Amino acid sequence: MDHLVELRRELYAFGAVLDGDLSAPVEHCGGWRLVDLAVHVGAGNLWVVAAVREGHGDSYDEDAAPRDRAGLKAWYAKTADALVQALAVDPSTEAWTFFPPHTVGFWRRRRSQETLMHRWDAEHALGSTTPMDPALAADGVAEVFDTMALRMISKGAATCPEQAVRITATDSGRCWTYGTGEPIAEVSGMAEDLLLMLWGRKPRDTGSVTWTGDREAGLRVLAGPLVP
Protein backbone atom coordinates (compact mmCIF):
# COMPACT_ATOMS: atom_id res chain seq x y z
CA MET A 1 0.00 0.00 0.00
CA ASP A 2 1.23 3.48 -0.88
CA HIS A 3 0.32 5.32 2.30
CA LEU A 4 1.34 8.67 0.85
CA VAL A 5 -1.29 8.31 -1.88
CA GLU A 6 -3.87 7.30 0.72
CA LEU A 7 -2.88 10.21 2.94
CA ARG A 8 -3.27 12.75 0.14
CA ARG A 9 -6.76 11.47 -0.62
CA GLU A 10 -7.90 11.54 3.01
CA LEU A 11 -6.39 14.97 3.65
CA TYR A 12 -8.32 16.32 0.66
CA ALA A 13 -11.53 14.63 1.80
CA PHE A 14 -11.19 16.11 5.27
CA GLY A 15 -10.60 19.56 3.82
CA ALA A 16 -13.80 19.25 1.80
CA VAL A 17 -15.96 18.95 4.92
CA LEU A 18 -14.83 22.36 6.14
CA ASP A 19 -17.48 23.89 3.88
CA GLY A 20 -20.03 22.40 6.28
CA ASP A 21 -21.33 23.62 9.64
CA LEU A 22 -18.19 24.26 11.69
CA SER A 23 -20.27 24.42 14.87
CA ALA A 24 -21.56 20.84 14.42
CA PRO A 25 -20.76 18.68 17.48
CA VAL A 26 -18.40 15.75 16.88
CA GLU A 27 -19.97 12.83 18.70
CA HIS A 28 -16.90 10.74 19.51
CA CYS A 29 -14.42 13.51 20.33
CA GLY A 30 -15.52 14.78 23.72
CA GLY A 31 -17.01 18.25 23.60
CA TRP A 32 -15.42 19.18 20.29
CA ARG A 33 -17.18 20.83 17.40
CA LEU A 34 -16.09 20.49 13.80
CA VAL A 35 -13.93 23.60 14.03
CA ASP A 36 -12.03 22.05 16.96
CA LEU A 37 -11.51 18.81 15.07
CA ALA A 38 -10.13 20.72 12.08
CA VAL A 39 -7.65 22.52 14.32
CA HIS A 40 -6.66 19.20 15.89
CA VAL A 41 -5.99 17.58 12.50
CA GLY A 42 -4.07 20.57 11.18
CA ALA A 43 -2.02 20.84 14.36
CA GLY A 44 -1.28 17.12 14.12
CA ASN A 45 -0.03 17.66 10.59
CA LEU A 46 2.42 20.30 11.81
CA TRP A 47 3.44 18.11 14.76
CA VAL A 48 4.51 15.39 12.34
CA VAL A 49 6.33 17.88 10.10
CA ALA A 50 8.42 18.83 13.15
CA ALA A 51 8.89 15.16 14.08
CA VAL A 52 10.35 14.48 10.64
CA ARG A 53 12.32 17.67 10.02
CA GLU A 54 13.32 18.66 13.56
CA GLY A 55 13.39 15.29 15.32
CA HIS A 56 11.09 16.05 18.26
CA GLY A 57 7.53 15.50 19.40
CA ASP A 58 6.76 18.91 20.88
CA SER A 59 3.10 19.85 20.42
CA TYR A 60 1.81 22.71 18.28
CA ASP A 61 -0.03 25.58 19.96
CA GLU A 62 -3.59 25.00 18.74
CA ASP A 63 -4.62 28.46 19.92
CA ALA A 64 -2.56 29.88 17.05
CA ALA A 65 -4.89 28.38 14.44
CA PRO A 66 -7.64 30.60 12.96
CA ARG A 67 -11.27 29.72 13.70
CA ASP A 68 -13.06 31.64 10.96
CA ARG A 69 -13.99 29.55 7.90
CA ALA A 70 -11.77 31.22 5.32
CA GLY A 71 -8.78 31.42 7.60
CA LEU A 72 -9.24 27.87 8.90
CA LYS A 73 -9.55 26.38 5.40
CA ALA A 74 -6.44 28.17 4.16
CA TRP A 75 -4.46 27.23 7.26
CA TYR A 76 -5.55 23.59 7.11
CA ALA A 77 -4.61 23.36 3.42
CA LYS A 78 -1.14 24.71 4.22
CA THR A 79 -0.66 22.15 7.00
CA ALA A 80 -1.76 19.34 4.67
CA ASP A 81 0.67 20.48 1.97
CA ALA A 82 3.47 20.78 4.51
CA LEU A 83 2.80 17.27 5.80
CA VAL A 84 2.81 15.69 2.34
CA GLN A 85 6.03 17.51 1.45
CA ALA A 86 7.72 16.39 4.67
CA LEU A 87 6.72 12.76 4.09
CA ALA A 88 7.62 12.74 0.37
CA VAL A 89 11.06 11.29 1.09
CA ASP A 90 12.40 7.75 1.41
CA PRO A 91 10.07 6.06 3.93
CA SER A 92 13.10 4.52 5.64
CA THR A 93 14.36 8.01 6.54
CA GLU A 94 14.87 8.34 10.29
CA ALA A 95 12.29 10.41 12.20
CA TRP A 96 11.07 10.93 15.74
CA THR A 97 8.04 8.73 16.42
CA PHE A 98 6.20 7.69 19.57
CA PHE A 99 6.57 3.96 18.75
CA PRO A 100 8.78 1.86 16.47
CA PRO A 101 9.72 2.00 13.69
CA HIS A 102 11.32 5.44 13.99
CA THR A 103 10.97 6.28 10.33
CA VAL A 104 9.04 8.45 7.91
CA GLY A 105 7.17 5.30 6.87
CA PHE A 106 5.65 5.11 10.36
CA TRP A 107 4.19 8.58 9.92
CA ARG A 108 2.90 7.90 6.42
CA ARG A 109 0.81 5.08 7.83
CA ARG A 110 -0.16 6.75 11.11
CA ARG A 111 -1.31 9.99 9.52
CA SER A 112 -3.23 8.08 6.85
CA GLN A 113 -5.11 6.30 9.61
CA GLU A 114 -5.53 9.38 11.78
CA THR A 115 -6.92 11.40 8.90
CA LEU A 116 -9.16 8.54 7.77
CA MET A 117 -10.77 8.26 11.21
CA HIS A 118 -11.20 11.99 11.66
CA ARG A 119 -12.55 12.39 8.13
CA TRP A 120 -15.24 9.89 9.17
CA ASP A 121 -15.77 11.83 12.42
CA ALA A 122 -16.24 15.07 10.50
CA GLU A 123 -18.63 13.57 7.96
CA HIS A 124 -20.55 11.85 10.75
CA ALA A 125 -20.91 15.21 12.50
CA LEU A 126 -22.47 16.60 9.33
CA GLY A 127 -24.81 13.62 8.96
CA SER A 128 -23.39 11.92 5.90
CA THR A 129 -20.40 9.57 5.82
CA THR A 130 -18.68 8.21 2.73
CA PRO A 131 -17.26 4.66 2.65
CA MET A 132 -13.71 3.95 3.73
CA ASP A 133 -11.37 2.29 1.27
CA PRO A 134 -11.52 -1.39 2.35
CA ALA A 135 -7.76 -1.95 2.05
CA LEU A 136 -6.96 1.18 4.08
CA ALA A 137 -9.54 0.23 6.70
CA ALA A 138 -8.04 -3.27 6.97
CA ASP A 139 -4.60 -1.69 7.38
CA GLY A 140 -6.11 0.38 10.18
CA VAL A 141 -7.32 -2.76 11.93
CA ALA A 142 -3.83 -4.19 11.61
CA GLU A 143 -2.34 -1.00 13.07
CA VAL A 144 -4.57 -1.29 16.13
CA PHE A 145 -3.01 -4.65 16.96
CA ASP A 146 0.59 -4.21 15.76
CA THR A 147 1.05 -0.68 17.10
CA MET A 148 -1.67 1.02 19.11
CA ALA A 149 -2.63 -1.79 21.50
CA LEU A 150 1.05 -2.62 22.10
CA ARG A 151 1.71 1.02 22.87
CA MET A 152 -1.12 1.10 25.39
CA ILE A 153 0.43 -1.95 27.10
CA SER A 154 3.93 -0.42 27.06
CA LYS A 155 2.56 2.77 28.67
CA GLY A 156 0.87 0.75 31.43
CA ALA A 157 -2.56 1.89 30.26
CA ALA A 158 -3.57 -1.71 29.48
CA THR A 159 -2.40 -5.23 30.23
CA CYS A 160 -1.74 -8.08 27.82
CA PRO A 161 -4.94 -10.16 27.69
CA GLU A 162 -4.79 -13.71 29.02
CA GLN A 163 -7.13 -14.98 26.30
CA ALA A 164 -7.27 -14.35 22.57
CA VAL A 165 -9.79 -13.19 19.97
CA ARG A 166 -9.66 -13.65 16.22
CA ILE A 167 -10.71 -10.66 14.12
CA THR A 168 -11.67 -11.28 10.48
CA ALA A 169 -12.36 -8.72 7.76
CA THR A 170 -14.91 -10.36 5.51
CA ASP A 171 -14.31 -8.00 2.58
CA SER A 172 -10.57 -8.66 2.36
CA GLY A 173 -10.19 -12.07 3.99
CA ARG A 174 -7.51 -10.67 6.31
CA CYS A 175 -7.53 -11.86 9.90
CA TRP A 176 -5.66 -11.09 13.09
CA THR A 177 -5.36 -12.74 16.49
CA TYR A 178 -5.05 -10.57 19.57
CA GLY A 179 -4.19 -11.99 22.96
CA THR A 180 -2.67 -15.15 24.36
CA GLY A 181 -3.32 -18.73 23.26
CA GLU A 182 -5.95 -20.11 20.94
CA PRO A 183 -8.84 -17.74 20.18
CA ILE A 184 -11.86 -18.25 22.40
CA ALA A 185 -14.04 -16.12 20.13
CA GLU A 186 -14.11 -14.54 16.70
CA VAL A 187 -15.55 -11.24 15.55
CA SER A 188 -16.02 -10.69 11.84
CA GLY A 189 -17.33 -7.96 9.60
CA MET A 190 -16.40 -5.44 6.95
CA ALA A 191 -13.03 -3.82 7.63
CA GLU A 192 -14.64 -0.40 8.05
CA ASP A 193 -17.05 -1.67 10.70
CA LEU A 194 -14.26 -3.46 12.54
CA LEU A 195 -12.08 -0.36 12.51
CA LEU A 196 -14.89 1.87 13.76
CA MET A 197 -15.61 -0.65 16.51
CA LEU A 198 -11.99 -0.88 17.62
CA TRP A 199 -11.65 2.91 17.75
CA GLY A 200 -14.84 3.29 19.80
CA ARG A 201 -16.99 4.80 17.06
CA LYS A 202 -19.29 1.79 17.31
CA PRO A 203 -19.92 -0.46 20.34
CA ARG A 204 -17.98 -3.73 20.56
CA ASP A 205 -21.21 -5.69 20.06
CA THR A 206 -22.57 -3.53 17.24
CA GLY A 207 -24.97 -5.31 14.93
CA SER A 208 -22.68 -4.65 11.94
CA VAL A 209 -20.22 -7.31 13.17
CA THR A 210 -20.77 -10.97 13.96
CA TRP A 211 -19.50 -12.76 17.07
CA THR A 212 -18.98 -16.51 17.38
CA GLY A 213 -17.62 -18.48 20.32
CA ASP A 214 -17.47 -17.01 23.82
CA ARG A 215 -18.58 -13.48 23.02
CA GLU A 216 -18.47 -12.22 26.62
CA ALA A 217 -14.87 -13.38 27.03
CA GLY A 218 -14.03 -11.89 23.65
CA LEU A 219 -15.51 -8.57 24.64
CA ARG A 220 -13.31 -8.55 27.75
CA VAL A 221 -10.21 -9.14 25.59
CA LEU A 222 -11.07 -6.23 23.35
CA ALA A 223 -11.95 -3.98 26.30
CA GLY A 224 -8.27 -3.06 26.33
CA PRO A 225 -8.12 -0.14 26.11
CA LEU A 226 -6.66 -0.80 22.66
CA VAL A 227 -6.25 2.82 21.55
CA PRO A 228 -5.76 6.20 23.26
C-alpha atoms as a PDB file:
ATOM      1  CA  MET A   1       0.000   0.000   0.000  1.00  0.00           C
ATOM      2  CA  ASP A   2       1.227   3.479  -0.876  1.00  0.00           C
ATOM      3  CA  HIS A   3       0.317   5.322   2.300  1.00  0.00           C
ATOM      4  CA  LEU A   4       1.343   8.672   0.845  1.00  0.00           C
ATOM      5  CA  VAL A   5      -1.289   8.306  -1.881  1.00  0.00           C
ATOM      6  CA  GLU A   6      -3.870   7.301   0.725  1.00  0.00           C
ATOM      7  CA  LEU A   7      -2.880  10.215   2.937  1.00  0.00           C
ATOM      8  CA  ARG A   8      -3.269  12.751   0.141  1.00  0.00           C
ATOM      9  CA  ARG A   9      -6.757  11.470  -0.622  1.00  0.00           C
ATOM     10  CA  GLU A  10      -7.900  11.540   3.013  1.00  0.00           C
ATOM     11  CA  LEU A  11      -6.393  14.975   3.648  1.00  0.00           C
ATOM     12  CA  TYR A  12      -8.318  16.322   0.660  1.00  0.00           C
ATOM     13  CA  ALA A  13     -11.531  14.631   1.798  1.00  0.00           C
ATOM     14  CA  PHE A  14     -11.192  16.106   5.273  1.00  0.00           C
ATOM     15  CA  GLY A  15     -10.604  19.560   3.819  1.00  0.00           C
ATOM     16  CA  ALA A  16     -13.804  19.254   1.801  1.00  0.00           C
ATOM     17  CA  VAL A  17     -15.960  18.949   4.924  1.00  0.00           C
ATOM     18  CA  LEU A  18     -14.828  22.363   6.139  1.00  0.00           C
ATOM     19  CA  ASP A  19     -17.476  23.885   3.876  1.00  0.00           C
ATOM     20  CA  GLY A  20     -20.031  22.398   6.283  1.00  0.00           C
ATOM     21  CA  ASP A  21     -21.334  23.620   9.639  1.00  0.00           C
ATOM     22  CA  LEU A  22     -18.192  24.256  11.688  1.00  0.00           C
ATOM     23  CA  SER A  23     -20.268  24.421  14.868  1.00  0.00           C
ATOM     24  CA  ALA A  24     -21.562  20.844  14.419  1.00  0.00           C
ATOM     25  CA  PRO A  25     -20.761  18.682  17.478  1.00  0.00           C
ATOM     26  CA  VAL A  26     -18.397  15.747  16.879  1.00  0.00           C
ATOM     27  CA  GLU A  27     -19.973  12.827  18.703  1.00  0.00           C
ATOM     28  CA  HIS A  28     -16.904  10.742  19.509  1.00  0.00           C
ATOM     29  CA  CYS A  29     -14.420  13.513  20.329  1.00  0.00           C
ATOM     30  CA  GLY A  30     -15.516  14.776  23.723  1.00  0.00           C
ATOM     31  CA  GLY A  31     -17.011  18.253  23.600  1.00  0.00           C
ATOM     32  CA  TRP A  32     -15.417  19.185  20.287  1.00  0.00           C
ATOM     33  CA  ARG A  33     -17.180  20.828  17.402  1.00  0.00           C
ATOM     34  CA  LEU A  34     -16.088  20.488  13.803  1.00  0.00           C
ATOM     35  CA  VAL A  35     -13.930  23.600  14.032  1.00  0.00           C
ATOM     36  CA  ASP A  36     -12.032  22.053  16.961  1.00  0.00           C
ATOM     37  CA  LEU A  37     -11.508  18.808  15.073  1.00  0.00           C
ATOM     38  CA  ALA A  38     -10.134  20.719  12.082  1.00  0.00           C
ATOM     39  CA  VAL A  39      -7.652  22.519  14.317  1.00  0.00           C
ATOM     40  CA  HIS A  40      -6.655  19.202  15.887  1.00  0.00           C
ATOM     41  CA  VAL A  41      -5.994  17.584  12.499  1.00  0.00           C
ATOM     42  CA  GLY A  42      -4.072  20.566  11.179  1.00  0.00           C
ATOM     43  CA  ALA A  43      -2.022  20.843  14.358  1.00  0.00           C
ATOM     44  CA  GLY A  44      -1.281  17.125  14.121  1.00  0.00           C
ATOM     45  CA  ASN A  45      -0.034  17.659  10.587  1.00  0.00           C
ATOM     46  CA  LEU A  46       2.419  20.302  11.806  1.00  0.00           C
ATOM     47  CA  TRP A  47       3.439  18.114  14.761  1.00  0.00           C
ATOM     48  CA  VAL A  48       4.508  15.391  12.342  1.00  0.00           C
ATOM     49  CA  VAL A  49       6.326  17.875  10.104  1.00  0.00           C
ATOM     50  CA  ALA A  50       8.416  18.827  13.146  1.00  0.00           C
ATOM     51  CA  ALA A  51       8.887  15.158  14.076  1.00  0.00           C
ATOM     52  CA  VAL A  52      10.354  14.479  10.639  1.00  0.00           C
ATOM     53  CA  ARG A  53      12.321  17.669  10.020  1.00  0.00           C
ATOM     54  CA  GLU A  54      13.324  18.659  13.563  1.00  0.00           C
ATOM     55  CA  GLY A  55      13.392  15.292  15.322  1.00  0.00           C
ATOM     56  CA  HIS A  56      11.091  16.046  18.256  1.00  0.00           C
ATOM     57  CA  GLY A  57       7.525  15.495  19.404  1.00  0.00           C
ATOM     58  CA  ASP A  58       6.765  18.913  20.877  1.00  0.00           C
ATOM     59  CA  SER A  59       3.102  19.852  20.423  1.00  0.00           C
ATOM     60  CA  TYR A  60       1.809  22.712  18.277  1.00  0.00           C
ATOM     61  CA  ASP A  61      -0.032  25.578  19.960  1.00  0.00           C
ATOM     62  CA  GLU A  62      -3.586  25.005  18.735  1.00  0.00           C
ATOM     63  CA  ASP A  63      -4.622  28.462  19.918  1.00  0.00           C
ATOM     64  CA  ALA A  64      -2.555  29.885  17.051  1.00  0.00           C
ATOM     65  CA  ALA A  65      -4.889  28.384  14.443  1.00  0.00           C
ATOM     66  CA  PRO A  66      -7.639  30.596  12.961  1.00  0.00           C
ATOM     67  CA  ARG A  67     -11.268  29.718  13.700  1.00  0.00           C
ATOM     68  CA  ASP A  68     -13.056  31.640  10.960  1.00  0.00           C
ATOM     69  CA  ARG A  69     -13.995  29.549   7.902  1.00  0.00           C
ATOM     70  CA  ALA A  70     -11.769  31.225   5.320  1.00  0.00           C
ATOM     71  CA  GLY A  71      -8.775  31.416   7.604  1.00  0.00           C
ATOM     72  CA  LEU A  72      -9.237  27.868   8.896  1.00  0.00           C
ATOM     73  CA  LYS A  73      -9.553  26.383   5.402  1.00  0.00           C
ATOM     74  CA  ALA A  74      -6.439  28.166   4.165  1.00  0.00           C
ATOM     75  CA  TRP A  75      -4.455  27.230   7.263  1.00  0.00           C
ATOM     76  CA  TYR A  76      -5.552  23.589   7.115  1.00  0.00           C
ATOM     77  CA  ALA A  77      -4.610  23.365   3.423  1.00  0.00           C
ATOM     78  CA  LYS A  78      -1.137  24.713   4.217  1.00  0.00           C
ATOM     79  CA  THR A  79      -0.664  22.148   7.000  1.00  0.00           C
ATOM     80  CA  ALA A  80      -1.759  19.339   4.665  1.00  0.00           C
ATOM     81  CA  ASP A  81       0.665  20.480   1.966  1.00  0.00           C
ATOM     82  CA  ALA A  82       3.473  20.783   4.512  1.00  0.00           C
ATOM     83  CA  LEU A  83       2.804  17.273   5.796  1.00  0.00           C
ATOM     84  CA  VAL A  84       2.811  15.690   2.337  1.00  0.00           C
ATOM     85  CA  GLN A  85       6.030  17.507   1.450  1.00  0.00           C
ATOM     86  CA  ALA A  86       7.718  16.385   4.675  1.00  0.00           C
ATOM     87  CA  LEU A  87       6.723  12.761   4.086  1.00  0.00           C
ATOM     88  CA  ALA A  88       7.616  12.740   0.371  1.00  0.00           C
ATOM     89  CA  VAL A  89      11.057  11.286   1.086  1.00  0.00           C
ATOM     90  CA  ASP A  90      12.398   7.752   1.406  1.00  0.00           C
ATOM     91  CA  PRO A  91      10.069   6.061   3.927  1.00  0.00           C
ATOM     92  CA  SER A  92      13.098   4.521   5.645  1.00  0.00           C
ATOM     93  CA  THR A  93      14.364   8.013   6.540  1.00  0.00           C
ATOM     94  CA  GLU A  94      14.870   8.344  10.293  1.00  0.00           C
ATOM     95  CA  ALA A  95      12.292  10.405  12.196  1.00  0.00           C
ATOM     96  CA  TRP A  96      11.070  10.930  15.737  1.00  0.00           C
ATOM     97  CA  THR A  97       8.041   8.730  16.417  1.00  0.00           C
ATOM     98  CA  PHE A  98       6.199   7.688  19.574  1.00  0.00           C
ATOM     99  CA  PHE A  99       6.569   3.964  18.745  1.00  0.00           C
ATOM    100  CA  PRO A 100       8.780   1.864  16.473  1.00  0.00           C
ATOM    101  CA  PRO A 101       9.722   1.996  13.691  1.00  0.00           C
ATOM    102  CA  HIS A 102      11.317   5.437  13.993  1.00  0.00           C
ATOM    103  CA  THR A 103      10.974   6.284  10.329  1.00  0.00           C
ATOM    104  CA  VAL A 104       9.039   8.450   7.910  1.00  0.00           C
ATOM    105  CA  GLY A 105       7.174   5.295   6.869  1.00  0.00           C
ATOM    106  CA  PHE A 106       5.651   5.113  10.361  1.00  0.00           C
ATOM    107  CA  TRP A 107       4.188   8.578   9.916  1.00  0.00           C
ATOM    108  CA  ARG A 108       2.896   7.900   6.418  1.00  0.00           C
ATOM    109  CA  ARG A 109       0.815   5.083   7.834  1.00  0.00           C
ATOM    110  CA  ARG A 110      -0.156   6.753  11.108  1.00  0.00           C
ATOM    111  CA  ARG A 111      -1.313   9.993   9.516  1.00  0.00           C
ATOM    112  CA  SER A 112      -3.227   8.078   6.852  1.00  0.00           C
ATOM    113  CA  GLN A 113      -5.114   6.302   9.609  1.00  0.00           C
ATOM    114  CA  GLU A 114      -5.531   9.383  11.783  1.00  0.00           C
ATOM    115  CA  THR A 115      -6.921  11.399   8.898  1.00  0.00           C
ATOM    116  CA  LEU A 116      -9.165   8.539   7.773  1.00  0.00           C
ATOM    117  CA  MET A 117     -10.766   8.263  11.212  1.00  0.00           C
ATOM    118  CA  HIS A 118     -11.197  11.992  11.661  1.00  0.00           C
ATOM    119  CA  ARG A 119     -12.554  12.386   8.131  1.00  0.00           C
ATOM    120  CA  TRP A 120     -15.238   9.890   9.174  1.00  0.00           C
ATOM    121  CA  ASP A 121     -15.772  11.827  12.425  1.00  0.00           C
ATOM    122  CA  ALA A 122     -16.238  15.067  10.498  1.00  0.00           C
ATOM    123  CA  GLU A 123     -18.628  13.574   7.961  1.00  0.00           C
ATOM    124  CA  HIS A 124     -20.546  11.855  10.747  1.00  0.00           C
ATOM    125  CA  ALA A 125     -20.905  15.210  12.497  1.00  0.00           C
ATOM    126  CA  LEU A 126     -22.467  16.603   9.326  1.00  0.00           C
ATOM    127  CA  GLY A 127     -24.815  13.623   8.965  1.00  0.00           C
ATOM    128  CA  SER A 128     -23.392  11.922   5.897  1.00  0.00           C
ATOM    129  CA  THR A 129     -20.405   9.567   5.823  1.00  0.00           C
ATOM    130  CA  THR A 130     -18.684   8.205   2.727  1.00  0.00           C
ATOM    131  CA  PRO A 131     -17.261   4.658   2.647  1.00  0.00           C
ATOM    132  CA  MET A 132     -13.712   3.953   3.731  1.00  0.00           C
ATOM    133  CA  ASP A 133     -11.368   2.293   1.271  1.00  0.00           C
ATOM    134  CA  PRO A 134     -11.516  -1.393   2.349  1.00  0.00           C
ATOM    135  CA  ALA A 135      -7.758  -1.945   2.053  1.00  0.00           C
ATOM    136  CA  LEU A 136      -6.958   1.182   4.080  1.00  0.00           C
ATOM    137  CA  ALA A 137      -9.544   0.231   6.704  1.00  0.00           C
ATOM    138  CA  ALA A 138      -8.036  -3.265   6.972  1.00  0.00           C
ATOM    139  CA  ASP A 139      -4.603  -1.692   7.380  1.00  0.00           C
ATOM    140  CA  GLY A 140      -6.112   0.379  10.179  1.00  0.00           C
ATOM    141  CA  VAL A 141      -7.319  -2.765  11.932  1.00  0.00           C
ATOM    142  CA  ALA A 142      -3.826  -4.193  11.606  1.00  0.00           C
ATOM    143  CA  GLU A 143      -2.343  -1.002  13.073  1.00  0.00           C
ATOM    144  CA  VAL A 144      -4.574  -1.287  16.132  1.00  0.00           C
ATOM    145  CA  PHE A 145      -3.008  -4.647  16.960  1.00  0.00           C
ATOM    146  CA  ASP A 146       0.586  -4.207  15.763  1.00  0.00           C
ATOM    147  CA  THR A 147       1.052  -0.682  17.100  1.00  0.00           C
ATOM    148  CA  MET A 148      -1.670   1.023  19.108  1.00  0.00           C
ATOM    149  CA  ALA A 149      -2.629  -1.795  21.501  1.00  0.00           C
ATOM    150  CA  LEU A 150       1.046  -2.625  22.102  1.00  0.00           C
ATOM    151  CA  ARG A 151       1.714   1.022  22.873  1.00  0.00           C
ATOM    152  CA  MET A 152      -1.116   1.096  25.395  1.00  0.00           C
ATOM    153  CA  ILE A 153       0.426  -1.948  27.105  1.00  0.00           C
ATOM    154  CA  SER A 154       3.928  -0.424  27.060  1.00  0.00           C
ATOM    155  CA  LYS A 155       2.557   2.765  28.671  1.00  0.00           C
ATOM    156  CA  GLY A 156       0.874   0.749  31.433  1.00  0.00           C
ATOM    157  CA  ALA A 157      -2.563   1.885  30.263  1.00  0.00           C
ATOM    158  CA  ALA A 158      -3.571  -1.713  29.475  1.00  0.00           C
ATOM    159  CA  THR A 159      -2.400  -5.233  30.225  1.00  0.00           C
ATOM    160  CA  CYS A 160      -1.740  -8.077  27.816  1.00  0.00           C
ATOM    161  CA  PRO A 161      -4.945 -10.161  27.686  1.00  0.00           C
ATOM    162  CA  GLU A 162      -4.787 -13.709  29.020  1.00  0.00           C
ATOM    163  CA  GLN A 163      -7.127 -14.980  26.297  1.00  0.00           C
ATOM    164  CA  ALA A 164      -7.271 -14.347  22.566  1.00  0.00           C
ATOM    165  CA  VAL A 165      -9.786 -13.193  19.969  1.00  0.00           C
ATOM    166  CA  ARG A 166      -9.659 -13.651  16.218  1.00  0.00           C
ATOM    167  CA  ILE A 167     -10.713 -10.662  14.121  1.00  0.00           C
ATOM    168  CA  THR A 168     -11.675 -11.278  10.479  1.00  0.00           C
ATOM    169  CA  ALA A 169     -12.362  -8.718   7.759  1.00  0.00           C
ATOM    170  CA  THR A 170     -14.908 -10.364   5.505  1.00  0.00           C
ATOM    171  CA  ASP A 171     -14.309  -8.003   2.579  1.00  0.00           C
ATOM    172  CA  SER A 172     -10.569  -8.655   2.361  1.00  0.00           C
ATOM    173  CA  GLY A 173     -10.185 -12.067   3.990  1.00  0.00           C
ATOM    174  CA  ARG A 174      -7.507 -10.674   6.306  1.00  0.00           C
ATOM    175  CA  CYS A 175      -7.527 -11.861   9.901  1.00  0.00           C
ATOM    176  CA  TRP A 176      -5.662 -11.088  13.091  1.00  0.00           C
ATOM    177  CA  THR A 177      -5.356 -12.741  16.489  1.00  0.00           C
ATOM    178  CA  TYR A 178      -5.050 -10.567  19.574  1.00  0.00           C
ATOM    179  CA  GLY A 179      -4.189 -11.993  22.963  1.00  0.00           C
ATOM    180  CA  THR A 180      -2.670 -15.151  24.355  1.00  0.00           C
ATOM    181  CA  GLY A 181      -3.321 -18.726  23.256  1.00  0.00           C
ATOM    182  CA  GLU A 182      -5.948 -20.115  20.938  1.00  0.00           C
ATOM    183  CA  PRO A 183      -8.842 -17.735  20.179  1.00  0.00           C
ATOM    184  CA  ILE A 184     -11.858 -18.250  22.403  1.00  0.00           C
ATOM    185  CA  ALA A 185     -14.043 -16.122  20.133  1.00  0.00           C
ATOM    186  CA  GLU A 186     -14.115 -14.538  16.698  1.00  0.00           C
ATOM    187  CA  VAL A 187     -15.549 -11.236  15.550  1.00  0.00           C
ATOM    188  CA  SER A 188     -16.015 -10.692  11.837  1.00  0.00           C
ATOM    189  CA  GLY A 189     -17.332  -7.965   9.597  1.00  0.00           C
ATOM    190  CA  MET A 190     -16.399  -5.439   6.949  1.00  0.00           C
ATOM    191  CA  ALA A 191     -13.033  -3.820   7.628  1.00  0.00           C
ATOM    192  CA  GLU A 192     -14.644  -0.402   8.053  1.00  0.00           C
ATOM    193  CA  ASP A 193     -17.050  -1.675  10.704  1.00  0.00           C
ATOM    194  CA  LEU A 194     -14.261  -3.464  12.539  1.00  0.00           C
ATOM    195  CA  LEU A 195     -12.079  -0.364  12.513  1.00  0.00           C
ATOM    196  CA  LEU A 196     -14.885   1.866  13.763  1.00  0.00           C
ATOM    197  CA  MET A 197     -15.612  -0.653  16.506  1.00  0.00           C
ATOM    198  CA  LEU A 198     -11.985  -0.881  17.615  1.00  0.00           C
ATOM    199  CA  TRP A 199     -11.653   2.905  17.749  1.00  0.00           C
ATOM    200  CA  GLY A 200     -14.841   3.291  19.805  1.00  0.00           C
ATOM    201  CA  ARG A 201     -16.993   4.802  17.064  1.00  0.00           C
ATOM    202  CA  LYS A 202     -19.288   1.795  17.310  1.00  0.00           C
ATOM    203  CA  PRO A 203     -19.924  -0.459  20.341  1.00  0.00           C
ATOM    204  CA  ARG A 204     -17.979  -3.725  20.561  1.00  0.00           C
ATOM    205  CA  ASP A 205     -21.207  -5.687  20.061  1.00  0.00           C
ATOM    206  CA  THR A 206     -22.568  -3.531  17.243  1.00  0.00           C
ATOM    207  CA  GLY A 207     -24.966  -5.314  14.928  1.00  0.00           C
ATOM    208  CA  SER A 208     -22.684  -4.654  11.939  1.00  0.00           C
ATOM    209  CA  VAL A 209     -20.215  -7.305  13.169  1.00  0.00           C
ATOM    210  CA  THR A 210     -20.774 -10.972  13.963  1.00  0.00           C
ATOM    211  CA  TRP A 211     -19.505 -12.758  17.070  1.00  0.00           C
ATOM    212  CA  THR A 212     -18.975 -16.511  17.379  1.00  0.00           C
ATOM    213  CA  GLY A 213     -17.621 -18.482  20.315  1.00  0.00           C
ATOM    214  CA  ASP A 214     -17.473 -17.013  23.815  1.00  0.00           C
ATOM    215  CA  ARG A 215     -18.581 -13.476  23.024  1.00  0.00           C
ATOM    216  CA  GLU A 216     -18.469 -12.224  26.617  1.00  0.00           C
ATOM    217  CA  ALA A 217     -14.870 -13.385  27.031  1.00  0.00           C
ATOM    218  CA  GLY A 218     -14.033 -11.893  23.651  1.00  0.00           C
ATOM    219  CA  LEU A 219     -15.512  -8.566  24.642  1.00  0.00           C
ATOM    220  CA  ARG A 220     -13.309  -8.548  27.746  1.00  0.00           C
ATOM    221  CA  VAL A 221     -10.211  -9.144  25.592  1.00  0.00           C
ATOM    222  CA  LEU A 222     -11.072  -6.229  23.349  1.00  0.00           C
ATOM    223  CA  ALA A 223     -11.954  -3.981  26.298  1.00  0.00           C
ATOM    224  CA  GLY A 224      -8.269  -3.061  26.334  1.00  0.00           C
ATOM    225  CA  PRO A 225      -8.121  -0.143  26.107  1.00  0.00           C
ATOM    226  CA  LEU A 226      -6.656  -0.803  22.660  1.00  0.00           C
ATOM    227  CA  VAL A 227      -6.253   2.816  21.551  1.00  0.00           C
ATOM    228  CA  PRO A 228      -5.758   6.198  23.262  1.00  0.00           C
END
